[in-house]
Amino acid sequence: MSRMALNQLNFTLFQGEYEMSTKQLDIRVANLDCEHDAAAIERGLTNFPGLNQLKVYPKAAKVS
């Protein structure tokens, strides 16, 4: 990214004119097979900055 683009980005963010993008991310988690482990993952990620929604699927070994 050029210096000019960085300066424009900084100015835009400073002015509060930004657009948030959202993406869904599915992560496979090895050895995630019980509700206790799922609850621990959920507690650990609940207040993660920028995270809007969290679902933990222990039987599928997946966090989404």
N, C-alpha and C. Protein backbone atom coordinates (compact mmCIF):
# COMPACT_ATOMS: atom_id res chain seq x y z
N MET A 1 0.85 -1.17 0.00
CA MET A 1 0.00 0.00 0.00
C MET A 1 0.90 1.23 0.00
N SER A 2 0.58 2.18 -0.83
CA SER A 2 1.41 3.38 -0.93
C SER A 2 1.21 4.28 0.29
N ARG A 3 2.15 5.18 0.50
CA ARG A 3 2.06 6.12 1.62
C ARG A 3 0.82 7.00 1.49
N MET A 4 0.49 7.39 0.26
CA MET A 4 -0.69 8.21 0.02
C MET A 4 -1.95 7.45 0.44
N ALA A 5 -2.03 6.16 0.08
CA ALA A 5 -3.18 5.35 0.45
C ALA A 5 -3.28 5.19 1.96
N LEU A 6 -2.15 4.99 2.63
CA LEU A 6 -2.15 4.88 4.09
C LEU A 6 -2.63 6.17 4.74
N ASN A 7 -2.17 7.30 4.24
CA ASN A 7 -2.62 8.58 4.79
C ASN A 7 -4.12 8.76 4.60
N GLN A 8 -4.63 8.39 3.43
CA GLN A 8 -6.06 8.50 3.18
C GLN A 8 -6.84 7.57 4.10
N LEU A 9 -6.33 6.36 4.30
CA LEU A 9 -6.98 5.42 5.20
C LEU A 9 -7.00 5.96 6.62
N ASN A 10 -5.88 6.49 7.10
CA ASN A 10 -5.84 7.07 8.44
C ASN A 10 -6.82 8.22 8.57
N PHE A 11 -6.90 9.08 7.56
CA PHE A 11 -7.82 10.21 7.59
C PHE A 11 -9.26 9.72 7.63
N THR A 12 -9.55 8.73 6.79
CA THR A 12 -10.91 8.20 6.74
C THR A 12 -11.31 7.59 8.07
N LEU A 13 -10.42 6.80 8.67
CA LEU A 13 -10.73 6.20 9.96
C LEU A 13 -10.87 7.25 11.05
N PHE A 14 -10.02 8.27 11.00
CA PHE A 14 -10.08 9.34 11.98
C PHE A 14 -11.41 10.07 11.90
N GLN A 15 -11.92 10.25 10.70
CA GLN A 15 -13.19 10.94 10.50
C GLN A 15 -14.39 10.06 10.85
N GLY A 16 -14.14 8.80 11.14
CA GLY A 16 -15.23 7.89 11.49
C GLY A 16 -16.00 7.41 10.28
N GLU A 17 -15.42 7.51 9.12
CA GLU A 17 -16.08 7.09 7.89
C GLU A 17 -15.48 5.78 7.44
N TYR A 18 -15.89 4.71 8.04
CA TYR A 18 -15.36 3.42 7.63
C TYR A 18 -16.51 2.45 7.44
N GLU A 19 -16.24 1.45 6.70
CA GLU A 19 -17.25 0.44 6.41
C GLU A 19 -16.73 -0.90 6.91
N MET A 20 -17.52 -1.57 7.70
CA MET A 20 -17.09 -2.87 8.22
C MET A 20 -17.50 -3.96 7.25
N SER A 21 -16.63 -4.90 7.05
CA SER A 21 -16.98 -6.05 6.24
C SER A 21 -17.17 -7.24 7.17
N THR A 22 -18.04 -8.13 6.79
CA THR A 22 -18.26 -9.32 7.60
C THR A 22 -17.95 -10.55 6.77
N LYS A 23 -17.40 -11.52 7.43
CA LYS A 23 -17.09 -12.80 6.82
C LYS A 23 -17.44 -13.89 7.80
N GLN A 24 -17.85 -15.01 7.28
CA GLN A 24 -18.05 -16.17 8.13
C GLN A 24 -16.83 -17.05 8.02
N LEU A 25 -16.35 -17.48 9.14
CA LEU A 25 -15.17 -18.32 9.20
C LEU A 25 -15.53 -19.61 9.92
N ASP A 26 -15.31 -20.74 9.27
CA ASP A 26 -15.54 -22.05 9.88
C ASP A 26 -14.19 -22.68 10.17
N ILE A 27 -13.98 -23.07 11.42
CA ILE A 27 -12.69 -23.64 11.83
C ILE A 27 -12.92 -25.03 12.40
N ARG A 28 -12.18 -26.00 11.90
CA ARG A 28 -12.21 -27.36 12.45
C ARG A 28 -11.29 -27.39 13.67
N VAL A 29 -11.76 -28.00 14.74
CA VAL A 29 -11.00 -28.05 15.98
C VAL A 29 -10.76 -29.52 16.35
N ALA A 30 -9.49 -29.92 16.37
CA ALA A 30 -9.15 -31.30 16.71
C ALA A 30 -9.55 -31.60 18.15
N ASN A 31 -10.06 -32.79 18.39
CA ASN A 31 -10.43 -33.29 19.71
C ASN A 31 -11.55 -32.51 20.38
N LEU A 32 -12.33 -31.77 19.62
CA LEU A 32 -13.50 -31.08 20.17
C LEU A 32 -14.67 -32.06 20.07
N ASP A 33 -14.97 -32.72 21.19
CA ASP A 33 -16.01 -33.74 21.13
C ASP A 33 -16.95 -33.75 22.34
N CYS A 34 -16.87 -32.72 23.18
CA CYS A 34 -17.77 -32.68 24.33
C CYS A 34 -18.22 -31.24 24.61
N GLU A 35 -19.32 -31.14 25.33
CA GLU A 35 -19.89 -29.83 25.66
C GLU A 35 -18.96 -29.01 26.55
N HIS A 36 -18.19 -29.67 27.41
CA HIS A 36 -17.26 -28.97 28.30
C HIS A 36 -16.21 -28.21 27.49
N ASP A 37 -15.63 -28.88 26.51
CA ASP A 37 -14.62 -28.23 25.65
C ASP A 37 -15.26 -27.11 24.82
N ALA A 38 -16.47 -27.35 24.34
CA ALA A 38 -17.18 -26.34 23.56
C ALA A 38 -17.44 -25.09 24.39
N ALA A 39 -17.82 -25.28 25.65
CA ALA A 39 -18.08 -24.15 26.54
C ALA A 39 -16.79 -23.37 26.82
N ALA A 40 -15.67 -24.08 26.96
CA ALA A 40 -14.39 -23.42 27.20
C ALA A 40 -13.98 -22.57 26.00
N ILE A 41 -14.18 -23.09 24.80
CA ILE A 41 -13.87 -22.32 23.59
C ILE A 41 -14.77 -21.10 23.50
N GLU A 42 -16.05 -21.29 23.78
CA GLU A 42 -16.99 -20.18 23.71
C GLU A 42 -16.64 -19.09 24.72
N ARG A 43 -16.29 -19.47 25.94
CA ARG A 43 -15.88 -18.48 26.95
C ARG A 43 -14.63 -17.72 26.50
N GLY A 44 -13.71 -18.44 25.90
CA GLY A 44 -12.45 -17.82 25.47
C GLY A 44 -12.61 -16.86 24.31
N LEU A 45 -13.58 -17.10 23.45
CA LEU A 45 -13.73 -16.27 22.26
C LEU A 45 -14.87 -15.25 22.33
N THR A 46 -15.71 -15.34 23.34
CA THR A 46 -16.91 -14.49 23.41
C THR A 46 -16.61 -13.01 23.29
N ASN A 47 -15.61 -12.51 23.95
CA ASN A 47 -15.31 -11.06 23.92
C ASN A 47 -14.19 -10.71 22.95
N PHE A 48 -13.92 -11.57 21.99
CA PHE A 48 -12.88 -11.32 21.00
C PHE A 48 -13.26 -10.11 20.16
N PRO A 49 -12.36 -9.13 20.01
CA PRO A 49 -12.68 -7.91 19.26
C PRO A 49 -13.08 -8.21 17.82
N GLY A 50 -14.18 -7.64 17.39
CA GLY A 50 -14.64 -7.78 16.02
C GLY A 50 -15.51 -9.00 15.77
N LEU A 51 -15.68 -9.84 16.78
CA LEU A 51 -16.49 -11.04 16.62
C LEU A 51 -17.95 -10.70 16.88
N ASN A 52 -18.80 -10.93 15.89
CA ASN A 52 -20.22 -10.60 16.03
C ASN A 52 -21.05 -11.76 16.55
N GLN A 53 -20.74 -12.95 16.10
CA GLN A 53 -21.52 -14.12 16.48
C GLN A 53 -20.60 -15.32 16.54
N LEU A 54 -20.86 -16.20 17.47
CA LEU A 54 -20.02 -17.38 17.66
C LEU A 54 -20.92 -18.59 17.88
N LYS A 55 -20.64 -19.65 17.15
CA LYS A 55 -21.34 -20.92 17.36
C LYS A 55 -20.29 -22.01 17.43
N VAL A 56 -20.43 -22.87 18.43
CA VAL A 56 -19.51 -23.99 18.61
C VAL A 56 -20.31 -25.27 18.44
N TYR A 57 -19.83 -26.14 17.55
CA TYR A 57 -20.50 -27.40 17.26
C TYR A 57 -19.59 -28.55 17.67
N PRO A 58 -19.73 -29.06 18.91
CA PRO A 58 -18.81 -30.08 19.39
C PRO A 58 -18.89 -31.40 18.61
N LYS A 59 -20.07 -31.81 18.20
CA LYS A 59 -20.20 -33.08 17.48
C LYS A 59 -19.59 -33.01 16.09
N ALA A 60 -19.54 -31.82 15.51
CA ALA A 60 -18.93 -31.64 14.19
C ALA A 60 -17.48 -31.18 14.31
N ALA A 61 -17.01 -30.94 15.54
CA ALA A 61 -15.65 -30.45 15.80
C ALA A 61 -15.38 -29.17 15.02
N LYS A 62 -16.34 -28.23 15.12
CA LYS A 62 -16.27 -27.01 14.31
C LYS A 62 -16.68 -25.79 15.13
N VAL A 63 -16.00 -24.68 14.87
CA VAL A 63 -16.36 -23.37 15.43
C VAL A 63 -16.69 -22.48 14.25
N SER A 64 -17.79 -21.75 14.35
CA SER A 64 -18.23 -20.93 13.23
C SER A 64 -18.59 -19.54 13.72
